[in-house]
């Protein structure tokens, strides 16, 4: 019997199915993984997730295995090189924002002890469960997190992008009520 998945999963895409089944909505507390997903989500802004997912390994190589400290220290020469990399999204504003956001990410780590502590502080460590099959594109929680990130100077962190990020890293459980993953990775 086939497993019931969320409506958005393209069953013809192995990568999408695997991402949904093994990663999307699983609570993340590791800063390295939170950073990777944050960087990818900011590049996804205005695009489809499958576009980013297909380029994920290219992003990993281009952005030094998602090492936040390395990315935070990128200079103009590296930005120019990234602009020539056909394996990633070559948007100069997003690349420059990735560098700046990485610096701010590290400032947050220093202030809170970890980015995870910062992010999960918005829900007091609790996973927010959507109790219906109507899914918003943003919420008051994503508005709040977005506002704080923007206040700190981060870019490409609008409420819709941040809500997508919160879903991806499991702060929000938006698996459909009938999806087999709904209760699979929840504490």
N, C-alpha and C. Protein backbone atom coordinates (compact mmCIF):
# COMPACT_ATOMS: atom_id res chain seq x y z
N UNK A 1 0.85 -1.19 0.00
CA UNK A 1 0.00 0.00 0.00
C UNK A 1 0.89 1.24 0.00
N UNK A 2 0.56 2.20 -0.85
CA UNK A 2 1.33 3.43 -0.93
C UNK A 2 1.12 4.29 0.31
N UNK A 3 2.18 4.96 0.70
CA UNK A 3 2.10 5.88 1.84
C UNK A 3 1.43 7.17 1.39
N UNK A 4 0.60 7.72 2.24
CA UNK A 4 -0.05 9.00 1.95
C UNK A 4 0.92 10.11 2.31
N UNK A 5 1.17 11.00 1.35
CA UNK A 5 2.09 12.11 1.55
C UNK A 5 1.36 13.43 1.36
N UNK A 6 2.03 14.50 1.73
CA UNK A 6 1.49 15.85 1.53
C UNK A 6 1.25 16.11 0.05
N UNK A 7 0.24 16.92 -0.24
CA UNK A 7 -0.21 17.17 -1.61
C UNK A 7 0.89 17.72 -2.52
N UNK A 8 1.84 18.45 -1.96
CA UNK A 8 2.84 19.15 -2.77
C UNK A 8 3.97 18.26 -3.27
N UNK A 9 4.04 17.04 -2.78
CA UNK A 9 5.14 16.15 -3.15
C UNK A 9 4.93 15.63 -4.57
N UNK A 10 5.89 15.88 -5.42
CA UNK A 10 5.89 15.35 -6.78
C UNK A 10 6.39 13.91 -6.70
N UNK A 11 5.46 12.97 -6.80
CA UNK A 11 5.81 11.56 -6.63
C UNK A 11 6.72 11.03 -7.74
N UNK A 12 6.83 11.75 -8.84
CA UNK A 12 7.72 11.33 -9.91
C UNK A 12 9.17 11.76 -9.67
N UNK A 13 9.39 12.56 -8.65
CA UNK A 13 10.73 13.03 -8.32
C UNK A 13 11.25 12.32 -7.08
N UNK A 14 12.21 11.43 -7.28
CA UNK A 14 12.81 10.71 -6.15
C UNK A 14 13.35 11.69 -5.11
N UNK A 15 14.04 12.76 -5.58
CA UNK A 15 14.62 13.74 -4.66
C UNK A 15 13.55 14.40 -3.80
N UNK A 16 12.43 14.74 -4.43
CA UNK A 16 11.35 15.41 -3.69
C UNK A 16 10.72 14.47 -2.66
N UNK A 17 10.47 13.23 -3.07
CA UNK A 17 9.88 12.25 -2.16
C UNK A 17 10.81 12.02 -0.98
N UNK A 18 12.10 11.82 -1.28
CA UNK A 18 13.08 11.59 -0.22
C UNK A 18 13.16 12.79 0.73
N UNK A 19 13.18 14.01 0.15
CA UNK A 19 13.23 15.22 0.97
C UNK A 19 12.01 15.28 1.89
N UNK A 20 10.84 15.05 1.35
CA UNK A 20 9.61 15.08 2.16
C UNK A 20 9.64 14.01 3.25
N UNK A 21 9.99 12.80 2.88
CA UNK A 21 9.91 11.67 3.80
C UNK A 21 10.97 11.69 4.90
N UNK A 22 12.15 12.21 4.58
CA UNK A 22 13.26 12.10 5.52
C UNK A 22 13.71 13.41 6.17
N UNK A 23 13.31 14.53 5.59
CA UNK A 23 13.90 15.78 6.05
C UNK A 23 12.89 16.87 6.39
N UNK A 24 11.94 17.13 5.51
CA UNK A 24 11.02 18.26 5.68
C UNK A 24 10.19 18.07 6.95
N UNK A 25 10.23 19.06 7.80
CA UNK A 25 9.43 19.02 9.01
C UNK A 25 10.06 18.29 10.18
N UNK A 26 11.24 17.72 9.98
CA UNK A 26 11.94 17.06 11.08
C UNK A 26 12.61 18.15 11.92
N UNK A 27 12.33 18.21 13.22
CA UNK A 27 12.93 19.25 14.06
C UNK A 27 14.46 19.21 14.01
N UNK A 28 15.04 20.38 13.72
CA UNK A 28 16.49 20.52 13.60
C UNK A 28 17.00 21.41 14.73
N UNK A 29 18.04 20.95 15.40
CA UNK A 29 18.64 21.71 16.49
C UNK A 29 20.13 21.97 16.24
N UNK A 30 20.67 21.38 15.20
CA UNK A 30 22.08 21.50 14.85
C UNK A 30 22.29 22.77 14.02
N UNK A 31 23.17 23.64 14.48
CA UNK A 31 23.40 24.92 13.81
C UNK A 31 23.90 24.75 12.37
N UNK A 32 24.71 23.76 12.12
CA UNK A 32 25.23 23.57 10.75
C UNK A 32 24.07 23.27 9.80
N UNK A 33 23.19 22.39 10.21
CA UNK A 33 22.03 22.05 9.38
C UNK A 33 21.06 23.24 9.29
N UNK A 34 20.87 23.94 10.38
CA UNK A 34 20.00 25.13 10.36
C UNK A 34 20.56 26.18 9.41
N UNK A 35 21.87 26.31 9.39
CA UNK A 35 22.50 27.27 8.48
C UNK A 35 22.32 26.84 7.03
N UNK A 36 22.58 25.58 6.74
CA UNK A 36 22.40 25.08 5.38
C UNK A 36 20.98 25.38 4.88
N UNK A 37 19.99 25.03 5.67
CA UNK A 37 18.61 25.23 5.24
C UNK A 37 18.28 26.72 5.13
N UNK A 38 18.86 27.52 6.02
CA UNK A 38 18.63 28.96 5.96
C UNK A 38 19.18 29.54 4.65
N UNK A 39 20.41 29.17 4.34
CA UNK A 39 21.02 29.67 3.10
C UNK A 39 20.20 29.23 1.89
N UNK A 40 19.81 27.98 1.86
CA UNK A 40 19.03 27.47 0.72
C UNK A 40 17.68 28.17 0.62
N UNK A 41 17.02 28.38 1.74
CA UNK A 41 15.70 29.05 1.72
C UNK A 41 15.82 30.48 1.21
N UNK A 42 16.89 31.18 1.58
CA UNK A 42 17.03 32.56 1.10
C UNK A 42 17.28 32.59 -0.41
N UNK A 43 17.92 31.59 -0.94
CA UNK A 43 18.09 31.51 -2.39
C UNK A 43 16.79 31.09 -3.07
N UNK A 44 15.96 30.37 -2.36
CA UNK A 44 14.69 29.90 -2.91
C UNK A 44 13.68 31.03 -3.07
N UNK A 45 13.83 32.11 -2.32
CA UNK A 45 12.86 33.22 -2.36
C UNK A 45 12.51 33.57 -3.80
N UNK A 46 11.22 33.43 -4.13
CA UNK A 46 10.74 33.75 -5.47
C UNK A 46 10.85 32.61 -6.46
N UNK A 47 11.40 31.49 -6.04
CA UNK A 47 11.57 30.33 -6.91
C UNK A 47 10.88 29.12 -6.30
N UNK A 48 10.87 28.03 -7.02
CA UNK A 48 10.29 26.80 -6.46
C UNK A 48 11.35 26.04 -5.69
N UNK A 49 10.93 25.30 -4.68
CA UNK A 49 11.85 24.55 -3.85
C UNK A 49 12.56 23.46 -4.67
N UNK A 50 11.86 22.86 -5.61
CA UNK A 50 12.48 21.80 -6.40
C UNK A 50 13.69 22.34 -7.17
N UNK A 51 13.64 23.60 -7.58
CA UNK A 51 14.78 24.22 -8.26
C UNK A 51 16.00 24.21 -7.35
N UNK A 52 15.80 24.57 -6.10
CA UNK A 52 16.89 24.59 -5.12
C UNK A 52 17.34 23.17 -4.79
N UNK A 53 16.37 22.30 -4.60
CA UNK A 53 16.68 20.92 -4.23
C UNK A 53 17.56 20.26 -5.29
N UNK A 54 17.27 20.50 -6.56
CA UNK A 54 18.07 19.93 -7.64
C UNK A 54 19.49 20.50 -7.66
N UNK A 55 19.67 21.71 -7.14
CA UNK A 55 20.98 22.36 -7.14
C UNK A 55 21.68 22.28 -5.78
N UNK A 56 21.09 21.56 -4.86
CA UNK A 56 21.60 21.53 -3.48
C UNK A 56 23.06 21.14 -3.38
N UNK A 57 23.46 20.09 -4.07
CA UNK A 57 24.86 19.65 -3.99
C UNK A 57 25.79 20.67 -4.64
N UNK A 58 25.32 21.35 -5.68
CA UNK A 58 26.11 22.42 -6.28
C UNK A 58 26.29 23.57 -5.28
N UNK A 59 25.21 23.90 -4.56
CA UNK A 59 25.31 24.92 -3.52
C UNK A 59 26.31 24.49 -2.45
N UNK A 60 26.25 23.23 -2.07
CA UNK A 60 27.15 22.70 -1.03
C UNK A 60 28.62 22.92 -1.44
N UNK A 61 28.93 22.60 -2.69
CA UNK A 61 30.31 22.78 -3.18
C UNK A 61 30.65 24.26 -3.29
N UNK A 62 29.74 25.03 -3.88
CA UNK A 62 30.01 26.46 -4.11
C UNK A 62 30.16 27.24 -2.81
N UNK A 63 29.39 26.86 -1.80
CA UNK A 63 29.41 27.56 -0.51
C UNK A 63 30.16 26.76 0.55
N UNK A 64 31.26 26.17 0.14
CA UNK A 64 32.22 25.54 1.07
C UNK A 64 31.56 24.66 2.12
N UNK A 65 30.75 23.72 1.65
CA UNK A 65 30.10 22.75 2.55
C UNK A 65 29.24 23.42 3.61
N UNK A 66 28.75 24.60 3.29
CA UNK A 66 27.89 25.38 4.21
C UNK A 66 28.60 25.68 5.54
N UNK A 67 29.86 26.02 5.45
CA UNK A 67 30.61 26.44 6.63
C UNK A 67 30.35 27.93 6.83
N UNK A 68 29.58 28.27 7.82
CA UNK A 68 29.12 29.65 8.01
C UNK A 68 30.28 30.63 8.15
N UNK A 69 31.31 30.26 8.88
CA UNK A 69 32.44 31.17 9.08
C UNK A 69 33.17 31.45 7.76
N UNK A 70 33.30 30.43 6.94
CA UNK A 70 33.94 30.60 5.63
C UNK A 70 33.12 31.54 4.75
N UNK A 71 31.82 31.29 4.68
CA UNK A 71 30.94 32.12 3.85
C UNK A 71 30.93 33.56 4.37
N UNK A 72 30.93 33.73 5.66
CA UNK A 72 30.91 35.08 6.26
C UNK A 72 32.14 35.89 5.86
N UNK A 73 33.21 35.21 5.50
CA UNK A 73 34.45 35.90 5.13
C UNK A 73 34.68 36.02 3.63
N UNK A 74 33.68 35.66 2.83
CA UNK A 74 33.82 35.82 1.39
C UNK A 74 34.07 37.28 1.04
N UNK A 75 34.96 37.45 0.06
CA UNK A 75 35.27 38.78 -0.46
C UNK A 75 34.76 38.88 -1.90
N UNK A 76 34.98 40.01 -2.51
CA UNK A 76 34.47 40.28 -3.86
C UNK A 76 34.93 39.23 -4.88
N UNK A 77 36.14 38.78 -4.77
CA UNK A 77 36.65 37.78 -5.72
C UNK A 77 35.80 36.50 -5.68
N UNK A 78 35.44 36.06 -4.49
CA UNK A 78 34.61 34.85 -4.36
C UNK A 78 33.19 35.13 -4.87
N UNK A 79 32.67 36.31 -4.59
CA UNK A 79 31.33 36.67 -5.08
C UNK A 79 31.31 36.64 -6.61
N UNK A 80 32.35 37.16 -7.23
CA UNK A 80 32.45 37.12 -8.70
C UNK A 80 32.51 35.68 -9.20
N UNK A 81 33.25 34.84 -8.52
CA UNK A 81 33.34 33.43 -8.91
C UNK A 81 31.98 32.74 -8.80
N UNK A 82 31.25 33.04 -7.73
CA UNK A 82 29.91 32.47 -7.56
C UNK A 82 28.96 32.92 -8.67
N UNK A 83 29.13 34.15 -9.12
CA UNK A 83 28.30 34.67 -10.20
C UNK A 83 28.54 33.92 -11.51
N UNK A 84 29.66 33.25 -11.63
CA UNK A 84 29.98 32.49 -12.84
C UNK A 84 29.61 31.01 -12.70
N UNK A 85 29.18 30.60 -11.52
CA UNK A 85 28.88 29.20 -11.24
C UNK A 85 27.47 28.85 -11.73
N UNK A 86 27.39 28.14 -12.84
CA UNK A 86 26.09 27.80 -13.42
C UNK A 86 25.32 26.76 -12.61
N UNK A 87 25.95 26.17 -11.61
CA UNK A 87 25.29 25.15 -10.80
C UNK A 87 24.42 25.71 -9.69
N UNK A 88 24.50 27.02 -9.46
CA UNK A 88 23.71 27.64 -8.39
C UNK A 88 22.82 28.73 -8.98
N UNK A 89 22.05 29.39 -8.14
CA UNK A 89 21.27 30.55 -8.55
C UNK A 89 22.22 31.74 -8.57
N UNK A 90 22.43 32.31 -9.74
CA UNK A 90 23.41 33.38 -9.89
C UNK A 90 22.73 34.74 -9.79
N UNK A 91 22.30 35.05 -8.60
CA UNK A 91 21.66 36.33 -8.31
C UNK A 91 22.61 37.08 -7.37
N UNK A 92 23.20 38.14 -7.86
CA UNK A 92 24.21 38.87 -7.07
C UNK A 92 23.66 39.33 -5.73
N UNK A 93 22.43 39.84 -5.71
CA UNK A 93 21.85 40.32 -4.45
C UNK A 93 21.73 39.18 -3.44
N UNK A 94 21.35 38.00 -3.91
CA UNK A 94 21.23 36.86 -3.00
C UNK A 94 22.59 36.38 -2.53
N UNK A 95 23.58 36.40 -3.39
CA UNK A 95 24.93 35.99 -3.01
C UNK A 95 25.51 36.95 -1.97
N UNK A 96 25.38 38.25 -2.23
CA UNK A 96 25.86 39.25 -1.27
C UNK A 96 25.11 39.11 0.05
N UNK A 97 23.79 38.87 -0.04
CA UNK A 97 23.00 38.68 1.19
C UNK A 97 23.45 37.45 1.95
N UNK A 98 23.83 36.39 1.24
CA UNK A 98 24.30 35.17 1.92
C UNK A 98 25.52 35.46 2.77
N UNK A 99 26.41 36.29 2.25
CA UNK A 99 27.61 36.65 3.01
C UNK A 99 27.23 37.47 4.24
N UNK A 100 26.43 38.49 4.03
CA UNK A 100 26.01 39.35 5.15
C UNK A 100 25.19 38.56 6.17
N UNK A 101 24.26 37.76 5.69
CA UNK A 101 23.43 36.95 6.59
C UNK A 101 24.29 35.99 7.41
N UNK A 102 25.36 35.49 6.80
CA UNK A 102 26.24 34.56 7.51
C UNK A 102 26.93 35.26 8.68
N UNK A 103 27.32 36.49 8.47
CA UNK A 103 27.94 37.27 9.55
C UNK A 103 26.94 37.48 10.69
N UNK A 104 25.72 37.80 10.34
CA UNK A 104 24.68 38.03 11.34
C UNK A 104 24.31 36.72 12.03
N UNK A 105 24.27 35.63 11.28
CA UNK A 105 24.02 34.30 11.84
C UNK A 105 25.03 34.02 12.95
N UNK A 106 26.30 34.33 12.68
CA UNK A 106 27.36 34.12 13.68
C UNK A 106 27.20 35.05 14.88
N UNK A 107 26.76 36.27 14.65
CA UNK A 107 26.49 37.20 15.76
C UNK A 107 25.39 36.64 16.66
N UNK A 108 24.36 36.08 16.04
CA UNK A 108 23.26 35.47 16.80
C UNK A 108 23.78 34.28 17.60
N UNK A 109 24.63 33.46 16.98
CA UNK A 109 25.22 32.32 17.71
C UNK A 109 25.96 32.80 18.95
N UNK A 110 26.73 33.85 18.78
CA UNK A 110 27.50 34.38 19.91
C UNK A 110 26.57 34.90 21.00
N UNK A 111 25.53 35.61 20.59
CA UNK A 111 24.60 36.21 21.57
C UNK A 111 23.77 35.16 22.30
N UNK A 112 23.30 34.13 21.59
CA UNK A 112 22.39 33.15 22.17
C UNK A 112 23.06 31.84 22.57
N UNK A 113 24.31 31.67 22.19
CA UNK A 113 24.98 30.39 22.44
C UNK A 113 24.88 29.47 21.24
N UNK A 114 23.80 29.60 20.49
CA UNK A 114 23.62 28.85 19.23
C UNK A 114 22.49 29.51 18.45
N UNK A 115 22.49 29.32 17.16
CA UNK A 115 21.38 29.81 16.35
C UNK A 115 20.12 29.03 16.68
N UNK A 116 20.30 27.75 17.00
CA UNK A 116 19.18 26.90 17.40
C UNK A 116 18.44 27.50 18.60
N UNK A 117 19.19 27.93 19.61
CA UNK A 117 18.55 28.52 20.79
C UNK A 117 17.77 29.78 20.41
N UNK A 118 18.33 30.58 19.52
CA UNK A 118 17.64 31.77 19.04
C UNK A 118 16.34 31.39 18.34
N UNK A 119 16.44 30.49 17.37
CA UNK A 119 15.28 30.14 16.56
C UNK A 119 14.17 29.50 17.39
N UNK A 120 14.54 28.55 18.21
CA UNK A 120 13.53 27.84 19.01
C UNK A 120 12.99 28.69 20.16
N UNK A 121 13.66 29.81 20.47
CA UNK A 121 13.15 30.68 21.54
C UNK A 121 11.81 31.31 21.16
N UNK A 122 11.55 31.42 19.87
CA UNK A 122 10.28 32.02 19.43
C UNK A 122 9.07 31.16 19.77
N UNK A 123 9.31 29.86 20.00
CA UNK A 123 8.21 28.95 20.36
C UNK A 123 8.44 28.30 21.72
N UNK A 124 9.38 28.85 22.48
CA UNK A 124 9.75 28.25 23.77
C UNK A 124 10.12 26.78 23.62
N UNK A 125 10.75 26.46 22.50
CA UNK A 125 11.20 25.09 22.26
C UNK A 125 10.12 24.14 21.80
N UNK A 126 8.92 24.62 21.61
CA UNK A 126 7.80 23.77 21.22
C UNK A 126 7.64 23.73 19.71
N UNK A 127 7.22 22.58 19.21
CA UNK A 127 6.88 22.43 17.79
C UNK A 127 5.44 22.92 17.62
N UNK A 128 5.24 23.79 16.65
CA UNK A 128 3.90 24.29 16.36
C UNK A 128 3.26 23.33 15.36
N UNK A 129 2.12 22.75 15.74
CA UNK A 129 1.43 21.80 14.87
C UNK A 129 0.23 22.47 14.23
N UNK A 130 0.21 22.44 12.91
CA UNK A 130 -0.95 22.92 12.19
C UNK A 130 -2.02 21.83 12.31
N UNK A 131 -3.16 22.17 12.84
CA UNK A 131 -4.20 21.18 13.11
C UNK A 131 -5.27 21.13 12.03
N UNK A 132 -4.96 21.65 10.85
CA UNK A 132 -5.91 21.55 9.74
C UNK A 132 -5.13 21.27 8.46
N UNK A 133 -5.87 21.03 7.40
CA UNK A 133 -5.22 20.83 6.11
C UNK A 133 -5.28 22.10 5.26
N UNK A 134 -5.45 23.23 5.92
CA UNK A 134 -5.34 24.52 5.25
C UNK A 134 -4.01 25.12 5.69
N UNK A 135 -3.16 25.37 4.73
CA UNK A 135 -1.81 25.78 5.06
C UNK A 135 -1.54 27.21 4.63
N UNK A 136 -1.20 28.05 5.59
CA UNK A 136 -0.88 29.44 5.26
C UNK A 136 0.49 29.54 4.62
N UNK A 137 0.77 30.67 4.01
CA UNK A 137 2.11 30.91 3.47
C UNK A 137 2.95 31.71 4.45
N UNK A 138 2.28 32.28 5.45
CA UNK A 138 2.97 32.98 6.54
C UNK A 138 2.03 33.03 7.73
N UNK A 139 2.61 33.28 8.91
CA UNK A 139 1.82 33.34 10.13
C UNK A 139 2.37 34.45 11.03
N UNK A 140 1.73 34.67 12.15
CA UNK A 140 2.26 35.67 13.08
C UNK A 140 3.64 35.25 13.58
N UNK A 141 3.89 33.94 13.71
CA UNK A 141 5.21 33.46 14.12
C UNK A 141 6.26 33.82 13.06
N UNK A 142 5.97 33.55 11.80
CA UNK A 142 6.95 33.88 10.75
C UNK A 142 7.11 35.39 10.63
N UNK A 143 6.02 36.13 10.86
CA UNK A 143 6.13 37.60 10.87
C UNK A 143 7.11 38.06 11.95
N UNK A 144 6.99 37.45 13.12
CA UNK A 144 7.83 37.83 14.26
C UNK A 144 9.30 37.48 14.01
N UNK A 145 9.56 36.27 13.53
CA UNK A 145 10.94 35.85 13.26
C UNK A 145 11.53 36.70 12.14
N UNK A 146 10.76 36.92 11.08
CA UNK A 146 11.20 37.74 9.96
C UNK A 146 11.56 39.15 10.42
N UNK A 147 10.69 39.73 11.22
CA UNK A 147 10.91 41.09 11.72
C UNK A 147 12.22 41.18 12.50
N UNK A 148 12.47 40.18 13.34
CA UNK A 148 13.70 40.17 14.14
C UNK A 148 14.93 40.00 13.25
N UNK A 149 14.84 39.12 12.27
CA UNK A 149 15.97 38.92 11.36
C UNK A 149 16.25 40.19 10.56
N UNK A 150 15.22 40.83 10.09
CA UNK A 150 15.39 42.07 9.33
C UNK A 150 15.95 43.18 10.22
N UNK A 151 15.47 43.23 11.47
CA UNK A 151 15.98 44.22 12.40
C UNK A 151 17.48 44.08 12.59
N UNK A 152 17.96 42.86 12.54
CA UNK A 152 19.38 42.59 12.69
C UNK A 152 20.15 42.84 11.40
N UNK A 153 19.44 43.06 10.29
CA UNK A 153 20.09 43.37 9.02
C UNK A 153 20.09 42.26 7.99
N UNK A 154 19.42 41.16 8.26
CA UNK A 154 19.38 40.06 7.30
C UNK A 154 18.49 40.42 6.11
N UNK A 155 18.83 39.85 4.96
CA UNK A 155 18.09 40.10 3.73
C UNK A 155 17.49 38.79 3.20
N UNK A 156 16.48 38.91 2.36
CA UNK A 156 15.74 37.77 1.81
C UNK A 156 15.15 36.93 2.93
N UNK A 157 14.66 37.62 3.95
CA UNK A 157 14.08 36.97 5.12
C UNK A 157 12.66 37.47 5.36
N UNK A 158 11.90 37.62 4.29
CA UNK A 158 10.50 38.00 4.43
C UNK A 158 9.71 36.91 5.12
N UNK A 159 8.52 37.23 5.55
CA UNK A 159 7.71 36.30 6.32
C UNK A 159 7.40 35.01 5.57
N UNK A 160 7.17 35.08 4.26
CA UNK A 160 6.86 33.87 3.49
C UNK A 160 8.10 32.96 3.44
N UNK A 161 9.25 33.53 3.19
CA UNK A 161 10.50 32.76 3.17
C UNK A 161 10.77 32.14 4.53
N UNK A 162 10.57 32.92 5.58
CA UNK A 162 10.83 32.42 6.93
C UNK A 162 9.83 31.33 7.31
N UNK A 163 8.57 31.47 6.89
CA UNK A 163 7.61 30.40 7.20
C UNK A 163 8.03 29.10 6.52
N UNK A 164 8.48 29.20 5.30
CA UNK A 164 8.96 28.03 4.57
C UNK A 164 10.16 27.41 5.32
N UNK A 165 11.03 28.26 5.83
CA UNK A 165 12.17 27.80 6.62
C UNK A 165 11.71 27.10 7.90
N UNK A 166 10.76 27.70 8.61
CA UNK A 166 10.26 27.11 9.85
C UNK A 166 9.63 25.74 9.60
N UNK A 167 8.95 25.60 8.47
CA UNK A 167 8.39 24.30 8.10
C UNK A 167 9.51 23.30 7.81
N UNK A 168 10.48 23.73 7.04
CA UNK A 168 11.56 22.83 6.62
C UNK A 168 12.34 22.28 7.80
N UNK A 169 12.61 23.12 8.81
CA UNK A 169 13.43 22.70 9.95
C UNK A 169 12.61 22.22 11.14
N UNK A 170 11.32 22.02 10.92
CA UNK A 170 10.48 21.37 11.91
C UNK A 170 10.02 22.22 13.07
N UNK A 171 10.24 23.53 13.04
CA UNK A 171 9.68 24.39 14.08
C UNK A 171 8.15 24.35 13.95
N UNK A 172 7.70 24.27 12.70
CA UNK A 172 6.28 24.13 12.40
C UNK A 172 6.08 22.78 11.73
N UNK A 173 5.12 22.00 12.23
CA UNK A 173 4.77 20.73 11.60
C UNK A 173 3.55 20.97 10.72
N UNK A 174 3.79 21.09 9.43
CA UNK A 174 2.72 21.33 8.47
C UNK A 174 2.45 20.13 7.57
N UNK A 175 2.87 18.95 8.03
CA UNK A 175 2.47 17.76 7.27
C UNK A 175 0.95 17.65 7.34
N UNK A 176 0.34 17.27 6.24
CA UNK A 176 -1.11 17.10 6.22
C UNK A 176 -1.52 16.11 7.31
N UNK A 177 -2.72 16.24 7.78
CA UNK A 177 -3.21 15.37 8.85
C UNK A 177 -3.14 13.90 8.46
N UNK A 178 -3.33 13.60 7.18
CA UNK A 178 -3.31 12.21 6.71
C UNK A 178 -1.94 11.74 6.25
N UNK A 179 -0.95 12.61 6.27
CA UNK A 179 0.40 12.25 5.81
C UNK A 179 1.08 11.33 6.83
N UNK A 180 1.74 10.31 6.33
CA UNK A 180 2.40 9.35 7.24
C UNK A 180 3.52 10.00 8.06
N UNK A 181 4.03 11.13 7.60
CA UNK A 181 5.11 11.82 8.32
C UNK A 181 4.59 12.70 9.45
N UNK A 182 3.32 12.91 9.53
CA UNK A 182 2.71 13.82 10.51
C UNK A 182 3.22 13.55 11.93
N UNK A 183 3.27 12.32 12.32
CA UNK A 183 3.68 11.98 13.69
C UNK A 183 5.02 11.25 13.73
N UNK A 184 5.61 11.01 12.58
CA UNK A 184 6.83 10.22 12.49
C UNK A 184 8.01 10.82 13.24
N UNK A 185 8.21 12.13 13.15
CA UNK A 185 9.42 12.75 13.70
C UNK A 185 9.12 13.76 14.80
N UNK A 186 8.00 13.61 15.45
CA UNK A 186 7.59 14.57 16.47
C UNK A 186 7.86 14.00 17.84
N UNK A 187 8.44 14.86 18.69
CA UNK A 187 8.71 14.38 20.07
C UNK A 187 7.43 14.39 20.89
